[in-house]
Amino acid sequence: MNPIQNLRRNITKEYLERLSNIALAAAGFSSGLIILLVQAKGQAHYNEFSVWFAIISLMLSLGGWQYFLPYILYGEKTYEHINLYLVALLQVSIVLALFVAVCALVWKMMWYAGVALIVTGIFLIIFVFRHNWKVAGYSRSEDA
């Protein structure tokens, strides 16, 4: 069974509510970042690049939140309709937009801290993908 089929089979209302809450949390973080940056316009640490990526993250987060609401409302009979590829794309896009916004802001304030953030972020991405790949492999093995 591929990971998408496995995920589709194991979707619960709690899981969808958690994804919806994560989207709202990302929207809140993006909004806070936008407010911070708009207030800082004209100051040394203002970064228009960060503002645009925070706006992208905000809109994607709100879209993701709205995407999950009908499934939570109408229940399990609708779960087969969920486009898990779209969900994955939304999640990756939201995180990537927030990451770029924060990295650009930190880079503007202290470039070496921005480099550290980018490098550790790349290592974290590699770690997470490898870990997920191993767990998926374990779930398909006979020992699981």
N, C-alpha and C. Protein backbone atom coordinates (compact mmCIF):
# COMPACT_ATOMS: atom_id res chain seq x y z
N MET A 1 0.85 -1.18 0.00
CA MET A 1 0.00 0.00 0.00
C MET A 1 0.90 1.24 0.00
N ASN A 2 0.60 2.17 -0.90
CA ASN A 2 1.43 3.37 -0.95
C ASN A 2 1.03 4.33 0.18
N PRO A 3 1.90 5.31 0.47
CA PRO A 3 1.63 6.21 1.61
C PRO A 3 0.32 6.98 1.50
N ILE A 4 -0.09 7.36 0.29
CA ILE A 4 -1.34 8.09 0.13
C ILE A 4 -2.53 7.20 0.48
N GLN A 5 -2.51 5.96 -0.01
CA GLN A 5 -3.60 5.03 0.33
C GLN A 5 -3.63 4.78 1.84
N ASN A 6 -2.46 4.62 2.44
CA ASN A 6 -2.40 4.40 3.88
C ASN A 6 -2.95 5.60 4.64
N LEU A 7 -2.58 6.79 4.22
CA LEU A 7 -3.08 8.01 4.88
C LEU A 7 -4.59 8.13 4.70
N ARG A 8 -5.06 7.91 3.49
CA ARG A 8 -6.50 8.00 3.22
C ARG A 8 -7.28 7.02 4.09
N ARG A 9 -6.74 5.83 4.28
CA ARG A 9 -7.41 4.80 5.09
C ARG A 9 -7.44 5.17 6.57
N ASN A 10 -6.47 5.96 7.02
CA ASN A 10 -6.35 6.26 8.45
C ASN A 10 -6.77 7.67 8.83
N ILE A 11 -7.40 8.40 7.93
CA ILE A 11 -7.85 9.77 8.24
C ILE A 11 -8.95 9.71 9.29
N THR A 12 -8.81 10.58 10.28
CA THR A 12 -9.85 10.71 11.31
C THR A 12 -10.26 12.18 11.41
N LYS A 13 -11.37 12.41 12.07
CA LYS A 13 -11.83 13.78 12.28
C LYS A 13 -10.79 14.55 13.10
N GLU A 14 -10.19 13.89 14.08
CA GLU A 14 -9.18 14.54 14.92
C GLU A 14 -7.97 14.98 14.09
N TYR A 15 -7.57 14.14 13.14
CA TYR A 15 -6.44 14.47 12.28
C TYR A 15 -6.77 15.70 11.43
N LEU A 16 -7.96 15.73 10.86
CA LEU A 16 -8.37 16.89 10.05
C LEU A 16 -8.47 18.15 10.90
N GLU A 17 -8.98 18.02 12.12
CA GLU A 17 -9.05 19.18 13.01
C GLU A 17 -7.65 19.68 13.35
N ARG A 18 -6.72 18.76 13.54
CA ARG A 18 -5.35 19.15 13.84
C ARG A 18 -4.74 19.90 12.65
N LEU A 19 -4.95 19.39 11.43
CA LEU A 19 -4.45 20.08 10.24
C LEU A 19 -5.08 21.46 10.10
N SER A 20 -6.35 21.55 10.39
CA SER A 20 -7.04 22.84 10.33
C SER A 20 -6.46 23.81 11.36
N ASN A 21 -6.19 23.33 12.56
CA ASN A 21 -5.60 24.18 13.61
C ASN A 21 -4.19 24.62 13.25
N ILE A 22 -3.44 23.73 12.63
CA ILE A 22 -2.08 24.08 12.19
C ILE A 22 -2.15 25.19 11.15
N ALA A 23 -3.11 25.08 10.22
CA ALA A 23 -3.28 26.12 9.20
C ALA A 23 -3.63 27.46 9.85
N LEU A 24 -4.50 27.43 10.85
CA LEU A 24 -4.85 28.68 11.55
C LEU A 24 -3.65 29.24 12.31
N ALA A 25 -2.86 28.39 12.91
CA ALA A 25 -1.67 28.85 13.63
C ALA A 25 -0.68 29.49 12.66
N ALA A 26 -0.50 28.88 11.50
CA ALA A 26 0.40 29.46 10.49
C ALA A 26 -0.14 30.79 10.00
N ALA A 27 -1.45 30.89 9.86
CA ALA A 27 -2.06 32.16 9.45
C ALA A 27 -1.82 33.23 10.51
N GLY A 28 -1.94 32.86 11.77
CA GLY A 28 -1.68 33.81 12.86
C GLY A 28 -0.23 34.26 12.89
N PHE A 29 0.68 33.33 12.69
CA PHE A 29 2.10 33.67 12.67
C PHE A 29 2.40 34.58 11.49
N SER A 30 1.84 34.25 10.32
CA SER A 30 2.04 35.08 9.13
C SER A 30 1.49 36.48 9.34
N SER A 31 0.31 36.58 9.93
CA SER A 31 -0.29 37.89 10.20
C SER A 31 0.58 38.70 11.14
N GLY A 32 1.08 38.07 12.17
CA GLY A 32 1.97 38.76 13.12
C GLY A 32 3.23 39.26 12.43
N LEU A 33 3.78 38.44 11.56
CA LEU A 33 4.98 38.83 10.83
C LEU A 33 4.68 40.01 9.90
N ILE A 34 3.53 39.98 9.25
CA ILE A 34 3.14 41.08 8.36
C ILE A 34 2.99 42.37 9.16
N ILE A 35 2.32 42.31 10.30
CA ILE A 35 2.13 43.50 11.15
C ILE A 35 3.48 44.05 11.61
N LEU A 36 4.35 43.16 12.05
CA LEU A 36 5.69 43.58 12.48
C LEU A 36 6.43 44.29 11.36
N LEU A 37 6.38 43.70 10.17
CA LEU A 37 7.13 44.27 9.06
C LEU A 37 6.53 45.57 8.55
N VAL A 38 5.21 45.65 8.52
CA VAL A 38 4.57 46.89 8.07
C VAL A 38 4.89 48.03 9.03
N GLN A 39 4.91 47.75 10.32
CA GLN A 39 5.25 48.78 11.30
C GLN A 39 6.71 49.19 11.20
N ALA A 40 7.54 48.29 10.68
CA ALA A 40 8.97 48.57 10.60
C ALA A 40 9.37 49.24 9.29
N LYS A 41 8.39 49.48 8.41
CA LYS A 41 8.72 50.05 7.09
C LYS A 41 9.52 51.34 7.27
N GLY A 42 10.59 51.43 6.50
CA GLY A 42 11.46 52.60 6.58
C GLY A 42 12.61 52.44 7.57
N GLN A 43 12.54 51.39 8.40
CA GLN A 43 13.61 51.14 9.35
C GLN A 43 14.61 50.15 8.75
N ALA A 44 15.73 50.01 9.40
CA ALA A 44 16.83 49.19 8.87
C ALA A 44 16.45 47.73 8.68
N HIS A 45 15.61 47.19 9.53
CA HIS A 45 15.31 45.76 9.43
C HIS A 45 14.06 45.45 8.60
N TYR A 46 13.49 46.46 7.95
CA TYR A 46 12.34 46.23 7.07
C TYR A 46 12.79 45.45 5.84
N ASN A 47 12.00 44.47 5.44
CA ASN A 47 12.34 43.65 4.29
C ASN A 47 11.07 43.35 3.50
N GLU A 48 10.95 43.97 2.34
CA GLU A 48 9.75 43.79 1.51
C GLU A 48 9.59 42.34 1.05
N PHE A 49 10.69 41.67 0.80
CA PHE A 49 10.68 40.27 0.41
C PHE A 49 9.97 39.42 1.48
N SER A 50 10.28 39.68 2.74
CA SER A 50 9.63 38.97 3.85
C SER A 50 8.14 39.25 3.89
N VAL A 51 7.75 40.48 3.63
CA VAL A 51 6.33 40.84 3.65
C VAL A 51 5.58 40.02 2.61
N TRP A 52 6.12 39.95 1.39
CA TRP A 52 5.42 39.23 0.33
C TRP A 52 5.29 37.74 0.64
N PHE A 53 6.34 37.14 1.17
CA PHE A 53 6.25 35.71 1.49
C PHE A 53 5.35 35.46 2.70
N ALA A 54 5.29 36.39 3.63
CA ALA A 54 4.36 36.26 4.75
C ALA A 54 2.92 36.37 4.25
N ILE A 55 2.68 37.24 3.28
CA ILE A 55 1.34 37.36 2.70
C ILE A 55 0.96 36.08 1.97
N ILE A 56 1.89 35.52 1.20
CA ILE A 56 1.63 34.25 0.51
C ILE A 56 1.30 33.16 1.52
N SER A 57 2.08 33.08 2.59
CA SER A 57 1.83 32.09 3.63
C SER A 57 0.47 32.29 4.28
N LEU A 58 0.13 33.53 4.55
CA LEU A 58 -1.17 33.83 5.16
C LEU A 58 -2.31 33.34 4.27
N MET A 59 -2.26 33.68 3.01
CA MET A 59 -3.35 33.30 2.10
C MET A 59 -3.42 31.79 1.91
N LEU A 60 -2.29 31.12 1.78
CA LEU A 60 -2.29 29.67 1.66
C LEU A 60 -2.83 29.01 2.93
N SER A 61 -2.47 29.56 4.09
CA SER A 61 -2.94 29.02 5.37
C SER A 61 -4.44 29.15 5.50
N LEU A 62 -4.96 30.32 5.16
CA LEU A 62 -6.40 30.52 5.23
C LEU A 62 -7.13 29.62 4.23
N GLY A 63 -6.54 29.44 3.06
CA GLY A 63 -7.11 28.53 2.07
C GLY A 63 -7.12 27.10 2.56
N GLY A 64 -6.02 26.68 3.19
CA GLY A 64 -5.94 25.32 3.75
C GLY A 64 -6.96 25.12 4.86
N TRP A 65 -7.11 26.10 5.70
CA TRP A 65 -8.09 26.02 6.79
C TRP A 65 -9.49 25.84 6.21
N GLN A 66 -9.83 26.64 5.20
CA GLN A 66 -11.14 26.54 4.58
C GLN A 66 -11.32 25.22 3.83
N TYR A 67 -10.24 24.68 3.30
CA TYR A 67 -10.31 23.41 2.59
C TYR A 67 -10.76 22.28 3.53
N PHE A 68 -10.28 22.31 4.77
CA PHE A 68 -10.59 21.22 5.71
C PHE A 68 -11.96 21.35 6.36
N LEU A 69 -12.49 22.54 6.46
CA LEU A 69 -13.76 22.74 7.18
C LEU A 69 -14.92 21.89 6.67
N PRO A 70 -15.18 21.80 5.37
CA PRO A 70 -16.31 20.97 4.94
C PRO A 70 -16.15 19.50 5.31
N TYR A 71 -14.92 19.00 5.26
CA TYR A 71 -14.68 17.60 5.61
C TYR A 71 -14.94 17.36 7.10
N ILE A 72 -14.55 18.32 7.91
CA ILE A 72 -14.80 18.21 9.36
C ILE A 72 -16.30 18.30 9.61
N LEU A 73 -16.98 19.19 8.92
CA LEU A 73 -18.41 19.40 9.10
C LEU A 73 -19.24 18.21 8.64
N TYR A 74 -18.94 17.67 7.45
CA TYR A 74 -19.77 16.62 6.88
C TYR A 74 -19.32 15.20 7.23
N GLY A 75 -18.16 15.05 7.83
CA GLY A 75 -17.77 13.77 8.39
C GLY A 75 -17.14 12.76 7.45
N GLU A 76 -17.03 11.55 7.98
CA GLU A 76 -16.25 10.49 7.34
C GLU A 76 -16.69 10.14 5.92
N LYS A 77 -17.96 10.27 5.62
CA LYS A 77 -18.42 9.89 4.29
C LYS A 77 -17.79 10.75 3.19
N THR A 78 -17.24 11.91 3.56
CA THR A 78 -16.61 12.80 2.57
C THR A 78 -15.10 12.61 2.47
N TYR A 79 -14.50 11.82 3.35
CA TYR A 79 -13.05 11.73 3.40
C TYR A 79 -12.43 11.16 2.13
N GLU A 80 -13.15 10.33 1.40
CA GLU A 80 -12.63 9.78 0.15
C GLU A 80 -12.40 10.87 -0.89
N HIS A 81 -13.06 11.99 -0.73
CA HIS A 81 -12.96 13.10 -1.69
C HIS A 81 -11.73 13.97 -1.45
N ILE A 82 -11.09 13.84 -0.30
CA ILE A 82 -9.95 14.70 0.04
C ILE A 82 -8.81 14.47 -0.95
N ASN A 83 -8.31 15.55 -1.50
CA ASN A 83 -7.17 15.48 -2.41
C ASN A 83 -5.90 15.59 -1.57
N LEU A 84 -5.31 14.46 -1.22
CA LEU A 84 -4.15 14.45 -0.33
C LEU A 84 -2.91 15.05 -0.99
N TYR A 85 -2.85 15.01 -2.31
CA TYR A 85 -1.74 15.66 -3.00
C TYR A 85 -1.84 17.18 -2.82
N LEU A 86 -3.04 17.72 -2.94
CA LEU A 86 -3.26 19.14 -2.71
C LEU A 86 -2.94 19.51 -1.26
N VAL A 87 -3.36 18.67 -0.32
CA VAL A 87 -3.08 18.91 1.09
C VAL A 87 -1.56 18.95 1.32
N ALA A 88 -0.84 18.00 0.75
CA ALA A 88 0.62 17.97 0.91
C ALA A 88 1.25 19.21 0.27
N LEU A 89 0.77 19.58 -0.92
CA LEU A 89 1.29 20.77 -1.58
C LEU A 89 1.03 22.02 -0.75
N LEU A 90 -0.16 22.13 -0.19
CA LEU A 90 -0.48 23.28 0.67
C LEU A 90 0.44 23.32 1.88
N GLN A 91 0.60 22.18 2.55
CA GLN A 91 1.44 22.15 3.75
C GLN A 91 2.88 22.55 3.44
N VAL A 92 3.44 21.98 2.38
CA VAL A 92 4.82 22.31 2.02
C VAL A 92 4.93 23.77 1.61
N SER A 93 3.96 24.26 0.85
CA SER A 93 4.00 25.66 0.39
C SER A 93 3.90 26.65 1.55
N ILE A 94 3.02 26.35 2.52
CA ILE A 94 2.87 27.23 3.68
C ILE A 94 4.16 27.29 4.47
N VAL A 95 4.73 26.13 4.76
CA VAL A 95 5.96 26.07 5.55
C VAL A 95 7.10 26.74 4.79
N LEU A 96 7.20 26.48 3.50
CA LEU A 96 8.27 27.08 2.70
C LEU A 96 8.14 28.60 2.65
N ALA A 97 6.92 29.11 2.45
CA ALA A 97 6.73 30.56 2.40
C ALA A 97 7.08 31.21 3.74
N LEU A 98 6.66 30.58 4.84
CA LEU A 98 7.01 31.12 6.17
C LEU A 98 8.51 31.06 6.40
N PHE A 99 9.12 29.96 6.00
CA PHE A 99 10.57 29.80 6.18
C PHE A 99 11.32 30.88 5.40
N VAL A 100 10.92 31.11 4.16
CA VAL A 100 11.58 32.14 3.35
C VAL A 100 11.38 33.52 3.97
N ALA A 101 10.16 33.80 4.44
CA ALA A 101 9.89 35.11 5.05
C ALA A 101 10.75 35.34 6.29
N VAL A 102 10.83 34.35 7.13
CA VAL A 102 11.63 34.49 8.36
C VAL A 102 13.12 34.54 8.03
N CYS A 103 13.58 33.69 7.12
CA CYS A 103 15.00 33.71 6.76
C CYS A 103 15.41 35.06 6.17
N ALA A 104 14.55 35.61 5.30
CA ALA A 104 14.88 36.91 4.69
C ALA A 104 14.94 38.00 5.76
N LEU A 105 14.03 37.95 6.72
CA LEU A 105 14.04 38.94 7.79
C LEU A 105 15.29 38.81 8.66
N VAL A 106 15.59 37.58 9.05
CA VAL A 106 16.77 37.36 9.90
C VAL A 106 18.04 37.71 9.12
N TRP A 107 18.09 37.34 7.85
CA TRP A 107 19.25 37.65 7.01
C TRP A 107 19.48 39.16 6.95
N LYS A 108 18.41 39.92 6.86
CA LYS A 108 18.51 41.39 6.77
C LYS A 108 19.08 41.97 8.07
N MET A 109 18.67 41.39 9.20
CA MET A 109 19.12 41.92 10.49
C MET A 109 20.54 41.47 10.81
N MET A 110 20.83 40.18 10.61
CA MET A 110 22.16 39.62 10.89
C MET A 110 22.40 38.51 9.87
N TRP A 111 23.20 38.80 8.87
CA TRP A 111 23.35 37.86 7.76
C TRP A 111 23.87 36.50 8.21
N TYR A 112 24.77 36.47 9.19
CA TYR A 112 25.32 35.18 9.64
C TYR A 112 24.26 34.36 10.37
N ALA A 113 23.34 35.01 11.06
CA ALA A 113 22.24 34.28 11.69
C ALA A 113 21.28 33.76 10.61
N GLY A 114 21.10 34.53 9.55
CA GLY A 114 20.29 34.08 8.42
C GLY A 114 20.89 32.85 7.76
N VAL A 115 22.20 32.86 7.59
CA VAL A 115 22.89 31.70 7.00
C VAL A 115 22.72 30.49 7.92
N ALA A 116 22.88 30.70 9.21
CA ALA A 116 22.71 29.59 10.16
C ALA A 116 21.29 29.03 10.10
N LEU A 117 20.31 29.91 10.00
CA LEU A 117 18.91 29.48 9.91
C LEU A 117 18.67 28.69 8.64
N ILE A 118 19.19 29.15 7.53
CA ILE A 118 19.01 28.45 6.26
C ILE A 118 19.68 27.08 6.29
N VAL A 119 20.91 27.04 6.75
CA VAL A 119 21.65 25.77 6.79
C VAL A 119 20.98 24.76 7.72
N THR A 120 20.60 25.20 8.91
CA THR A 120 19.93 24.26 9.82
C THR A 120 18.56 23.87 9.29
N GLY A 121 17.88 24.78 8.60
CA GLY A 121 16.60 24.45 7.99
C GLY A 121 16.74 23.38 6.92
N ILE A 122 17.79 23.48 6.10
CA ILE A 122 18.03 22.47 5.07
C ILE A 122 18.33 21.12 5.71
N PHE A 123 19.15 21.11 6.76
CA PHE A 123 19.43 19.85 7.45
C PHE A 123 18.17 19.26 8.07
N LEU A 124 17.32 20.12 8.61
CA LEU A 124 16.06 19.65 9.19
C LEU A 124 15.16 19.04 8.11
N ILE A 125 15.09 19.66 6.95
CA ILE A 125 14.29 19.11 5.85
C ILE A 125 14.79 17.73 5.46
N ILE A 126 16.11 17.60 5.31
CA ILE A 126 16.70 16.30 4.97
C ILE A 126 16.38 15.27 6.04
N PHE A 127 16.54 15.64 7.30
CA PHE A 127 16.25 14.72 8.40
C PHE A 127 14.80 14.26 8.38
N VAL A 128 13.87 15.21 8.22
CA VAL A 128 12.44 14.88 8.23
C VAL A 128 12.08 13.96 7.07
N PHE A 129 12.58 14.25 5.87
CA PHE A 129 12.28 13.38 4.72
C PHE A 129 12.85 11.98 4.93
N ARG A 130 14.08 11.89 5.40
CA ARG A 130 14.68 10.56 5.64
C ARG A 130 13.90 9.81 6.72
N HIS A 131 13.53 10.51 7.77
CA HIS A 131 12.78 9.87 8.85
C HIS A 131 11.42 9.37 8.34
N ASN A 132 10.70 10.21 7.61
CA ASN A 132 9.41 9.79 7.06
C ASN A 132 9.56 8.60 6.11
N TRP A 133 10.60 8.61 5.30
CA TRP A 133 10.86 7.51 4.38
C TRP A 133 11.09 6.21 5.15
N LYS A 134 11.88 6.29 6.22
CA LYS A 134 12.16 5.10 7.04
C LYS A 134 10.90 4.59 7.73
N VAL A 135 10.11 5.49 8.29
CA VAL A 135 8.88 5.07 8.96
C VAL A 135 7.91 4.45 7.96
N ALA A 136 7.79 5.03 6.77
CA ALA A 136 6.93 4.46 5.74
C ALA A 136 7.43 3.07 5.34
N GLY A 137 8.74 2.91 5.23
CA GLY A 137 9.31 1.60 4.92
C GLY A 137 9.03 0.59 6.01
N TYR A 138 9.15 1.04 7.24
CA TYR A 138 8.86 0.15 8.38
C TYR A 138 7.40 -0.27 8.38
N SER A 139 6.50 0.65 8.06
CA SER A 139 5.08 0.34 8.07
C SER A 139 4.71 -0.68 7.00
N ARG A 140 5.51 -0.73 5.91
CA ARG A 140 5.26 -1.70 4.84
C ARG A 140 5.95 -3.03 5.07
N SER A 141 6.88 -3.07 6.02
CA SER A 141 7.62 -4.31 6.25
C SER A 141 6.77 -5.33 6.99
N GLU A 142 7.21 -6.55 6.97
CA GLU A 142 6.48 -7.62 7.64
C GLU A 142 6.58 -7.55 9.14
N ASP A 143 7.59 -6.82 9.65
CA ASP A 143 7.79 -6.71 11.09
C ASP A 143 6.83 -5.73 11.73
N ALA A 144 6.21 -4.88 10.93
CA ALA A 144 5.33 -3.82 11.49
C ALA A 144 4.06 -4.40 12.03
